[in-house]
Amino acid sequence: MTKSMTGSFYLTEAIDLPAGSVTGTRVTGTIDLSAYVNVPTGQAIAVESCDLVFQNTVNLSGDVSGFSTGDVGITLQVVDQNPGAVFVRADNHSLVASGTLNVDATNNVATHTSDLYPDNFGPANMSEAFLVVNDTLFITAGSDGTSISADGVSVSARLRCRVVKLSTKDWMAIAIQSTADQ
């Protein structure tokens, strides 16, 4: 069982898809968890929720007309194992959260979908949050469909977390599961 050691707090990371990035471009970033995760004491991070924010890099607005040169899907994934500059499949146990912003440039319409939340894909018997025993979270964002506009797109992940203490059995189970996809 998990025991909360802190109340909820937020960790954020923003990465930029550079102006003119072609379709298929992937950009990565990291969130350092080494101050919160401690193997000898069984301390881990429980990711309770993840909000994804897509903004124009120049003026930080959400006006999608400046995001791309045509129809585009901008995807963001948060994982607890380093996938390199690629996306992982939804059945990958390291996937913490995922979402996509689909832009219909012709009609100036956007649809934002968070397709995976940390509270419904966590380890077995601990479904209230995604438990992380690694000291880094990895964020990958990318565009598919067309190029990013001259303004660029900033993609942010805002994670609500808490520090928890795990039993030795739970710690080992999570550690084994998190390396199973390697």
Protein backbone atom coordinates (compact mmCIF):
# COMPACT_ATOMS: atom_id res chain seq x y z
CA MET A 1 0.00 0.00 0.00
CA THR A 2 1.01 3.58 -0.51
CA LYS A 3 1.17 6.20 2.19
CA SER A 4 1.20 9.88 1.26
CA MET A 5 4.19 11.80 2.60
CA THR A 6 3.16 15.15 1.10
CA GLY A 7 0.11 16.90 -0.18
CA SER A 8 -0.31 17.50 -3.88
CA PHE A 9 2.12 19.76 -5.73
CA TYR A 10 2.78 20.56 -9.37
CA LEU A 11 5.70 19.77 -11.66
CA THR A 12 5.76 21.33 -15.12
CA GLU A 13 7.84 21.10 -18.24
CA ALA A 14 7.44 22.96 -21.53
CA ILE A 15 9.06 22.04 -24.83
CA ASP A 16 8.94 23.96 -28.08
CA LEU A 17 8.27 22.64 -31.54
CA PRO A 18 10.48 25.03 -33.52
CA ALA A 19 9.12 27.23 -36.27
CA GLY A 20 9.10 25.43 -39.61
CA SER A 21 9.44 21.93 -38.10
CA VAL A 22 8.40 19.40 -40.70
CA THR A 23 5.81 16.70 -40.12
CA GLY A 24 7.22 13.85 -38.04
CA THR A 25 9.49 16.12 -35.97
CA ARG A 26 9.84 15.01 -32.33
CA VAL A 27 11.22 17.12 -29.48
CA THR A 28 11.98 15.83 -25.98
CA GLY A 29 12.33 17.23 -22.48
CA THR A 30 12.72 15.87 -18.96
CA ILE A 31 11.43 16.42 -15.44
CA ASP A 32 13.99 15.61 -12.77
CA LEU A 33 12.46 13.60 -9.91
CA SER A 34 15.70 12.79 -8.08
CA ALA A 35 14.77 15.08 -5.17
CA TYR A 36 11.57 13.09 -4.59
CA VAL A 37 12.40 9.45 -5.41
CA ASN A 38 14.49 7.57 -2.85
CA VAL A 39 15.16 3.84 -3.20
CA PRO A 40 16.40 3.07 0.37
CA THR A 41 13.35 4.69 2.00
CA GLY A 42 10.81 3.47 -0.59
CA GLN A 43 9.86 6.99 -1.64
CA ALA A 44 8.17 7.39 -5.01
CA ILE A 45 6.13 9.94 -6.95
CA ALA A 46 2.40 9.46 -7.46
CA VAL A 47 1.26 11.33 -10.57
CA GLU A 48 -2.40 12.13 -9.91
CA SER A 49 -3.25 14.12 -13.04
CA CYS A 50 -1.71 15.71 -16.09
CA ASP A 51 -2.89 18.82 -17.92
CA LEU A 52 -1.60 19.49 -21.44
CA VAL A 53 -1.35 23.05 -22.73
CA PHE A 54 -0.65 24.05 -26.34
CA GLN A 55 0.39 27.67 -27.04
CA ASN A 56 1.73 29.83 -29.85
CA THR A 57 5.43 30.26 -28.95
CA VAL A 58 5.58 33.94 -29.98
CA ASN A 59 2.61 35.39 -28.09
CA LEU A 60 1.72 32.41 -25.85
CA SER A 61 -1.89 32.44 -27.06
CA GLY A 62 -4.05 29.44 -27.84
CA ASP A 63 -5.03 30.80 -31.27
CA VAL A 64 -4.59 27.72 -33.45
CA SER A 65 -4.40 29.73 -36.68
CA GLY A 66 -0.73 30.37 -35.94
CA PHE A 67 0.18 26.76 -35.09
CA SER A 68 0.74 25.22 -38.50
CA THR A 69 0.77 25.67 -42.26
CA GLY A 70 -2.20 23.30 -42.66
CA ASP A 71 -4.06 20.51 -40.89
CA VAL A 72 -1.90 19.09 -38.11
CA GLY A 73 -1.99 16.80 -35.10
CA ILE A 74 0.30 17.81 -32.24
CA THR A 75 0.87 14.99 -29.75
CA LEU A 76 2.46 15.02 -26.30
CA GLN A 77 3.41 11.97 -24.23
CA VAL A 78 4.83 11.70 -20.70
CA VAL A 79 6.68 8.45 -19.91
CA ASP A 80 8.86 7.18 -17.07
CA GLN A 81 11.40 5.40 -19.29
CA ASN A 82 13.46 7.13 -21.98
CA PRO A 83 11.99 6.22 -25.39
CA GLY A 84 14.37 8.47 -27.30
CA ALA A 85 12.71 10.92 -29.66
CA VAL A 86 9.79 8.63 -30.50
CA PHE A 87 6.26 8.03 -29.24
CA VAL A 88 5.34 4.83 -27.41
CA ARG A 89 2.27 2.66 -27.97
CA ALA A 90 -0.63 2.91 -25.55
CA ASP A 91 0.09 -0.57 -24.17
CA ASN A 92 3.56 0.49 -23.02
CA HIS A 93 3.70 0.34 -19.20
CA SER A 94 5.91 3.42 -19.02
CA LEU A 95 3.22 5.70 -20.52
CA VAL A 96 2.07 8.11 -17.82
CA ALA A 97 -0.11 10.50 -19.87
CA SER A 98 -0.83 11.27 -23.49
CA GLY A 99 -2.86 13.74 -25.50
CA THR A 100 -3.27 15.31 -28.93
CA LEU A 101 -4.34 18.65 -30.32
CA ASN A 102 -5.85 18.23 -33.79
CA VAL A 103 -5.95 21.45 -35.83
CA ASP A 104 -8.26 21.90 -38.81
CA ALA A 105 -6.46 24.91 -40.28
CA THR A 106 -8.97 25.45 -43.07
CA ASN A 107 -11.82 26.02 -40.61
CA ASN A 108 -9.65 27.43 -37.77
CA VAL A 109 -10.92 24.74 -35.39
CA ALA A 110 -9.01 22.68 -32.86
CA THR A 111 -9.94 19.57 -30.91
CA HIS A 112 -7.95 18.69 -27.80
CA THR A 113 -8.01 15.11 -26.57
CA SER A 114 -6.29 13.72 -23.50
CA ASP A 115 -6.46 10.08 -24.39
CA LEU A 116 -4.67 8.72 -21.37
CA TYR A 117 -4.74 10.00 -17.81
CA PRO A 118 -2.34 8.81 -15.10
CA ASP A 119 -5.15 7.87 -12.73
CA ASN A 120 -6.57 5.20 -15.03
CA PHE A 121 -3.41 3.51 -16.24
CA GLY A 122 -1.37 3.17 -13.06
CA PRO A 123 0.04 -0.08 -11.68
CA ALA A 124 -2.39 -2.75 -10.52
CA ASN A 125 -4.04 -2.18 -7.10
CA MET A 126 -2.85 1.43 -7.08
CA SER A 127 -5.14 2.97 -9.67
CA GLU A 128 -5.58 6.32 -7.96
CA ALA A 129 -2.30 7.53 -9.49
CA PHE A 130 0.58 6.46 -11.69
CA LEU A 131 3.46 5.55 -9.36
CA VAL A 132 6.95 6.44 -10.55
CA VAL A 133 10.09 4.94 -9.02
CA ASN A 134 12.47 6.33 -11.66
CA ASP A 135 14.29 9.61 -11.11
CA THR A 136 13.25 11.20 -14.44
CA LEU A 137 10.08 11.65 -16.46
CA PHE A 138 10.48 12.05 -20.23
CA ILE A 139 8.26 14.25 -22.37
CA THR A 140 8.01 13.91 -26.14
CA ALA A 141 6.01 16.21 -28.42
CA GLY A 142 5.65 16.16 -32.16
CA SER A 143 3.58 17.17 -35.13
CA ASP A 144 2.11 15.06 -37.89
CA GLY A 145 0.25 16.19 -41.00
CA THR A 146 2.04 19.40 -41.96
CA SER A 147 4.78 21.79 -40.86
CA ILE A 148 4.70 23.99 -37.77
CA SER A 149 4.17 27.67 -38.66
CA ALA A 150 6.72 30.48 -38.43
CA ASP A 151 5.60 31.16 -34.84
CA GLY A 152 6.29 27.69 -33.44
CA VAL A 153 4.26 25.82 -30.82
CA SER A 154 5.01 25.50 -27.11
CA VAL A 155 3.67 22.33 -25.49
CA SER A 156 3.50 22.05 -21.69
CA ALA A 157 2.74 19.21 -19.32
CA ARG A 158 1.54 20.20 -15.85
CA LEU A 159 1.59 17.20 -13.49
CA ARG A 160 -0.16 17.13 -10.13
CA CYS A 161 1.95 14.86 -7.92
CA ARG A 162 2.59 13.82 -4.35
CA VAL A 163 5.43 11.97 -2.67
CA VAL A 164 4.41 8.55 -1.36
CA LYS A 165 6.08 5.81 0.64
CA LEU A 166 5.81 2.29 -0.74
CA SER A 167 6.27 -1.06 0.92
CA THR A 168 9.28 -3.03 -0.31
CA LYS A 169 6.96 -5.42 -2.17
CA ASP A 170 5.14 -2.58 -3.97
CA TRP A 171 8.42 -0.82 -4.79
CA MET A 172 9.83 -3.98 -6.37
CA ALA A 173 6.63 -4.69 -8.31
CA ILE A 174 6.62 -1.19 -9.80
CA ALA A 175 10.35 -1.32 -10.57
CA ILE A 176 9.94 -4.66 -12.37
CA GLN A 177 6.93 -3.42 -14.33
CA SER A 178 8.61 -0.14 -15.31
CA THR A 179 11.58 -2.00 -16.81
CA ALA A 180 9.47 -4.68 -18.54
CA ASP A 181 9.10 -2.55 -21.69
CA GLN A 182 12.82 -1.92 -22.05
